[in-house]
Amino acid sequence: MGFWSYLSSRHQQLLTDAYQHASAVFQCMVIATVLGVVIGVVTYRSGWAAGLAITSTSTILTIPSLAMIGLLIPLVGLGVAPTVVTLTLYGLLPIVRNSIVGLRGVDPSLVDAATGIGMSRAARLLRVELPLAWPPILTGIRVSTQMLMGIAAIAAYASGPGLGNEIFRGIASLGSANAINQVLAGTLGIVVLALLFDAAYVLIGRLTIPRGIRV
């Protein structure tokens, strides 16, 4: 069976897997973004705390994704849980690092001006510092998303959702008629999803970052 014939015959299952893959990455990115920005806000004023946050999240990335999922299975079981924990942890580093860099890069004179007009620390953070730090934070989110798109395929090892199931089925049946088609369909599906997510982030950047800051 040719590749296009295989896609035609399996399009419903492939669409379901693609939706589950995109949903898992999106939900984990929301969690990772909230956690990463909070960690950045809490630590960026202190050199040692920021260093500890970046080192800790960097260390997580040194753990092979297959090993991470394997270690989590005895703790949280198979399926969605190890997928969510793994993807969230792997997504932290670019967001934490860029949050710290972005917040430290805010012009101190602007913060002083906000203080001078009576803004509280929380108001300065929400209305001045975070908006100005948003471009590098968004870049960190984009990088994390691209990483997680590929890592999410490993979730199939723990019976997780997504296009990784198509790839693993193909690898497990190498030599059969449709093995290569399965691996290729899963791989191309992940690439297409990654491009769609990245295009969405470009649009979000254009809508949320003022032209002066983009320039």
Protein backbone atom coordinates (compact mmCIF):
# COMPACT_ATOMS: atom_id res chain seq x y z
CA MET A 1 0.00 0.00 0.00
CA GLY A 2 1.33 3.44 -0.93
CA PHE A 3 1.73 6.21 1.63
CA TRP A 4 -1.19 8.31 0.36
CA SER A 5 -3.43 5.25 0.24
CA TYR A 6 -2.43 4.47 3.82
CA LEU A 7 -3.30 8.03 4.91
CA SER A 8 -6.66 7.77 3.19
CA SER A 9 -7.51 4.48 4.86
CA ARG A 10 -6.35 5.56 8.32
CA HIS A 11 -7.21 9.25 8.30
CA GLN A 12 -9.78 9.03 11.10
CA GLN A 13 -7.37 7.35 13.52
CA LEU A 14 -4.54 9.69 12.50
CA LEU A 15 -6.73 12.74 13.13
CA THR A 16 -7.67 11.38 16.55
CA ASP A 17 -4.02 10.74 17.43
CA ALA A 18 -3.04 14.21 16.15
CA TYR A 19 -5.74 15.86 18.26
CA GLN A 20 -4.64 13.96 21.37
CA HIS A 21 -1.00 14.84 20.67
CA ALA A 22 -1.75 18.54 20.23
CA SER A 23 -4.05 18.58 23.27
CA ALA A 24 -1.43 16.96 25.51
CA VAL A 25 1.28 19.40 24.41
CA PHE A 26 -1.03 22.42 24.75
CA GLN A 27 -2.22 21.52 28.24
CA CYS A 28 1.29 20.74 29.47
CA MET A 29 2.55 24.01 27.97
CA VAL A 30 -0.11 25.94 29.89
CA ILE A 31 1.03 24.32 33.14
CA ALA A 32 4.73 24.76 32.31
CA THR A 33 4.18 28.41 31.36
CA VAL A 34 2.42 29.24 34.61
CA LEU A 35 5.04 27.41 36.69
CA GLY A 36 7.96 28.79 34.68
CA VAL A 37 6.84 32.41 34.88
CA VAL A 38 6.09 32.12 38.61
CA ILE A 39 9.56 30.64 39.20
CA GLY A 40 11.07 33.45 37.15
CA VAL A 41 9.17 36.13 39.07
CA VAL A 42 10.16 34.65 42.43
CA THR A 43 13.86 34.23 41.59
CA TYR A 44 14.95 36.93 39.13
CA ARG A 45 15.89 39.49 41.78
CA SER A 46 18.38 37.13 43.44
CA GLY A 47 21.45 35.90 41.60
CA TRP A 48 21.79 32.64 43.53
CA ALA A 49 18.06 31.87 43.38
CA ALA A 50 17.94 32.49 39.63
CA GLY A 51 21.03 30.35 39.16
CA LEU A 52 19.49 27.56 41.22
CA ALA A 53 16.25 27.70 39.22
CA ILE A 54 18.06 27.54 35.87
CA THR A 55 20.44 24.79 37.03
CA SER A 56 17.59 22.69 38.42
CA THR A 57 15.50 22.90 35.26
CA SER A 58 18.59 22.30 33.14
CA THR A 59 19.33 19.14 35.10
CA ILE A 60 15.89 17.80 34.26
CA LEU A 61 16.74 17.99 30.55
CA THR A 62 19.76 15.74 31.06
CA ILE A 63 17.46 12.85 32.03
CA PRO A 64 16.55 10.81 28.91
CA SER A 65 12.83 11.13 28.24
CA LEU A 66 12.33 7.37 28.02
CA ALA A 67 14.03 6.95 31.41
CA MET A 68 11.91 9.74 32.92
CA ILE A 69 8.68 8.09 31.80
CA GLY A 70 9.93 4.68 32.94
CA LEU A 71 10.72 6.05 36.41
CA LEU A 72 7.31 7.70 36.67
CA ILE A 73 5.28 4.61 35.72
CA PRO A 74 5.64 2.92 39.17
CA LEU A 75 4.65 6.21 40.84
CA VAL A 76 1.71 7.44 38.73
CA GLY A 77 0.86 4.47 36.51
CA LEU A 78 0.41 4.26 32.75
CA GLY A 79 -1.44 6.60 30.41
CA VAL A 80 -1.90 10.34 30.69
CA ALA A 81 -0.31 10.98 34.11
CA PRO A 82 3.35 10.17 33.27
CA THR A 83 2.94 12.05 29.98
CA VAL A 84 1.74 15.22 31.71
CA VAL A 85 4.42 15.15 34.39
CA THR A 86 7.23 14.46 31.91
CA LEU A 87 6.20 17.10 29.38
CA THR A 88 5.63 19.74 32.05
CA LEU A 89 9.05 19.18 33.59
CA TYR A 90 10.84 19.22 30.25
CA GLY A 91 9.06 22.40 29.22
CA LEU A 92 10.25 24.46 32.19
CA LEU A 93 13.83 25.41 31.30
CA PRO A 94 13.32 27.77 28.32
CA ILE A 95 10.42 29.50 30.07
CA VAL A 96 12.21 29.91 33.41
CA ARG A 97 15.41 31.12 31.76
CA ASN A 98 13.67 33.56 29.42
CA SER A 99 11.43 34.86 32.20
CA ILE A 100 14.48 35.66 34.32
CA VAL A 101 16.34 37.22 31.38
CA GLY A 102 13.29 39.24 30.32
CA LEU A 103 12.51 40.56 33.79
CA ARG A 104 16.14 41.47 34.43
CA GLY A 105 16.24 43.29 31.09
CA VAL A 106 13.47 45.73 31.98
CA ASP A 107 14.80 49.30 32.07
CA PRO A 108 15.18 50.22 35.79
CA SER A 109 14.18 53.82 35.00
CA LEU A 110 10.74 52.61 33.93
CA VAL A 111 10.34 50.70 37.18
CA ASP A 112 11.45 53.76 39.13
CA ALA A 113 8.95 55.91 37.25
CA ALA A 114 6.18 53.45 38.10
CA THR A 115 7.23 53.55 41.72
CA GLY A 116 7.25 57.34 41.60
CA ILE A 117 3.60 57.52 40.55
CA GLY A 118 2.60 55.31 43.48
CA MET A 119 2.36 51.85 41.94
CA SER A 120 2.65 48.94 44.35
CA ARG A 121 5.19 46.19 43.73
CA ALA A 122 2.46 43.87 42.41
CA ALA A 123 1.15 46.59 40.10
CA ARG A 124 4.64 47.29 38.77
CA LEU A 125 5.15 43.61 38.08
CA LEU A 126 1.82 43.10 36.33
CA ARG A 127 1.58 46.41 34.44
CA VAL A 128 5.21 47.24 33.68
CA GLU A 129 7.73 44.44 34.13
CA LEU A 130 5.84 41.40 32.79
CA PRO A 131 4.50 43.20 29.69
CA LEU A 132 8.02 44.38 28.82
CA ALA A 133 9.44 40.91 29.52
CA TRP A 134 6.74 39.22 27.43
CA PRO A 135 8.70 38.99 24.12
CA PRO A 136 11.51 36.80 25.56
CA ILE A 137 8.98 34.83 27.60
CA LEU A 138 7.00 34.10 24.43
CA THR A 139 10.22 32.99 22.72
CA GLY A 140 10.83 30.57 25.59
CA ILE A 141 7.29 29.22 25.21
CA ARG A 142 7.87 28.67 21.47
CA VAL A 143 11.12 26.79 22.11
CA SER A 144 9.49 24.63 24.79
CA THR A 145 6.58 23.77 22.52
CA GLN A 146 8.86 22.61 19.72
CA MET A 147 10.78 20.43 22.18
CA LEU A 148 7.64 18.92 23.65
CA MET A 149 6.19 18.06 20.26
CA GLY A 150 8.97 15.55 19.74
CA ILE A 151 9.21 14.36 23.34
CA ALA A 152 5.45 13.71 23.46
CA ALA A 153 5.93 10.89 20.95
CA ILE A 154 7.79 8.93 23.65
CA ALA A 155 4.58 8.96 25.73
CA ALA A 156 3.38 5.99 23.69
CA TYR A 157 5.86 3.90 25.68
CA ALA A 158 3.62 4.42 28.72
CA SER A 159 0.36 4.00 26.79
CA GLY A 160 0.09 7.76 26.54
CA PRO A 161 -1.90 9.63 23.89
CA GLY A 162 -0.69 10.99 20.58
CA LEU A 163 1.04 10.25 17.32
CA GLY A 164 3.81 8.37 19.09
CA ASN A 165 1.50 5.35 19.08
CA GLU A 166 1.62 5.32 15.28
CA ILE A 167 5.42 5.51 15.32
CA PHE A 168 5.80 2.79 17.95
CA ARG A 169 3.41 0.47 16.09
CA GLY A 170 5.44 0.95 12.94
CA ILE A 171 8.74 0.28 14.70
CA ALA A 172 7.31 -2.81 16.39
CA SER A 173 6.18 -4.23 13.04
CA LEU A 174 9.22 -3.38 10.91
CA GLY A 175 9.25 -5.61 7.87
CA SER A 176 5.47 -5.63 7.50
CA ALA A 177 3.69 -3.93 4.60
CA ASN A 178 2.73 -0.70 6.38
CA ALA A 179 5.50 -0.33 8.97
CA ILE A 180 7.28 2.50 7.17
CA ASN A 181 3.96 4.20 6.38
CA GLN A 182 3.07 4.18 10.08
CA VAL A 183 6.39 5.69 11.17
CA LEU A 184 6.27 8.27 8.38
CA ALA A 185 2.65 9.24 9.09
CA GLY A 186 3.35 9.74 12.80
CA THR A 187 6.54 11.70 12.15
CA LEU A 188 5.05 13.99 9.51
CA GLY A 189 2.01 14.55 11.72
CA ILE A 190 4.23 15.81 14.54
CA VAL A 191 6.14 18.09 12.15
CA VAL A 192 2.89 19.58 10.83
CA LEU A 193 1.57 20.15 14.36
CA ALA A 194 4.84 21.83 15.37
CA LEU A 195 4.60 24.20 12.40
CA LEU A 196 0.96 25.03 13.18
CA PHE A 197 1.76 25.77 16.82
CA ASP A 198 4.70 27.96 15.81
CA ALA A 199 2.52 29.89 13.36
CA ALA A 200 0.01 30.43 16.16
CA TYR A 201 2.77 31.84 18.39
CA VAL A 202 3.85 34.22 15.64
CA LEU A 203 0.27 35.48 15.44
CA ILE A 204 0.04 35.79 19.23
CA GLY A 205 3.27 37.81 19.19
CA ARG A 206 1.92 40.19 16.58
CA LEU A 207 -1.27 40.67 18.58
CA THR A 208 0.28 41.06 22.02
CA ILE A 209 3.66 42.72 21.48
CA PRO A 210 3.50 46.44 20.61
CA ARG A 211 5.25 47.39 17.38
CA GLY A 212 7.80 49.55 19.21
CA ILE A 213 8.90 46.63 21.41
CA ARG A 214 9.07 44.25 18.42
CA VAL A 215 11.33 46.69 16.60
